[in-house]
Amino acid sequence: MELTNEQQQILNGEKGETFDPNIHNAVMHTEDDSVGENIITTVIVKGYKLGDKIIRPAMVAVAN
């Protein structure tokens, strides 16, 4: 089965975005006073969404 770009969506999470546990999986915690609490500092693995269903959450590092 091949998916078209219209069917799938990449859930990157971007550095500086607020962590959302519904679409992100925090796999690392970093101490960084220069960014706020629950802010993504690194995207480790991209996540994927198919329609309204999360296939794989994005794996991210979160500050403080």
Protein backbone atom coordinates (compact mmCIF):
# COMPACT_ATOMS: atom_id res chain seq x y z
CA MET A 1 0.00 0.00 0.00
CA GLU A 2 1.40 3.37 -0.99
CA LEU A 3 0.31 6.57 0.69
CA THR A 4 -0.05 9.85 -1.12
CA ASN A 5 1.06 13.16 0.35
CA GLU A 6 -2.61 14.12 0.79
CA GLN A 7 -3.16 11.12 3.08
CA GLN A 8 -0.15 11.44 5.36
CA GLN A 9 1.19 14.34 7.34
CA ILE A 10 4.63 14.62 8.93
CA LEU A 11 4.60 15.62 12.61
CA ASN A 12 8.03 17.11 13.07
CA GLY A 13 7.59 19.40 15.96
CA GLU A 14 9.97 22.28 15.49
CA LYS A 15 12.66 23.56 17.80
CA GLY A 16 11.06 26.27 19.93
CA GLU A 17 7.51 24.91 19.73
CA THR A 18 5.54 23.97 22.84
CA PHE A 19 5.53 20.25 23.64
CA ASP A 20 2.16 18.61 22.94
CA PRO A 21 1.85 15.09 24.43
CA ASN A 22 -0.89 14.27 21.91
CA ILE A 23 1.56 14.41 18.97
CA HIS A 24 5.01 14.33 20.60
CA ASN A 25 6.87 11.71 22.64
CA ALA A 26 9.43 13.25 25.00
CA VAL A 27 12.41 10.90 25.04
CA MET A 28 14.94 13.30 26.53
CA HIS A 29 14.89 16.14 29.07
CA THR A 30 17.39 18.99 28.89
CA GLU A 31 18.17 21.75 31.36
CA ASP A 32 18.31 25.03 29.47
CA ASP A 33 17.50 28.29 31.24
CA SER A 34 17.46 30.19 27.93
CA VAL A 35 14.18 28.53 26.85
CA GLY A 36 10.91 28.16 28.68
CA GLU A 37 9.37 25.10 30.26
CA ASN A 38 7.99 22.37 27.95
CA ILE A 39 9.69 23.81 24.86
CA ILE A 40 11.06 21.42 22.21
CA THR A 41 14.83 21.73 21.95
CA THR A 42 15.56 18.90 19.50
CA VAL A 43 13.54 16.71 17.13
CA ILE A 44 15.05 13.23 17.23
CA VAL A 45 12.63 11.29 14.98
CA LYS A 46 9.84 12.62 12.77
CA GLY A 47 6.30 11.55 13.52
CA TYR A 48 3.51 10.69 11.10
CA LYS A 49 -0.23 11.23 11.01
CA LEU A 50 -2.70 9.53 8.67
CA GLY A 51 -5.94 11.44 8.53
CA ASP A 52 -6.87 12.04 12.18
CA LYS A 53 -4.86 9.07 13.50
CA ILE A 54 -1.31 9.42 14.85
CA ILE A 55 0.74 6.63 13.30
CA ARG A 56 3.96 7.53 15.15
CA PRO A 57 4.42 10.53 17.46
CA ALA A 58 7.50 12.71 16.89
CA MET A 59 10.29 11.88 19.34
CA VAL A 60 11.62 15.10 20.86
CA ALA A 61 13.84 16.51 23.58
CA VAL A 62 12.08 18.94 25.92
CA ALA A 63 13.61 21.69 28.07
CA ASN A 64 13.25 22.24 31.82
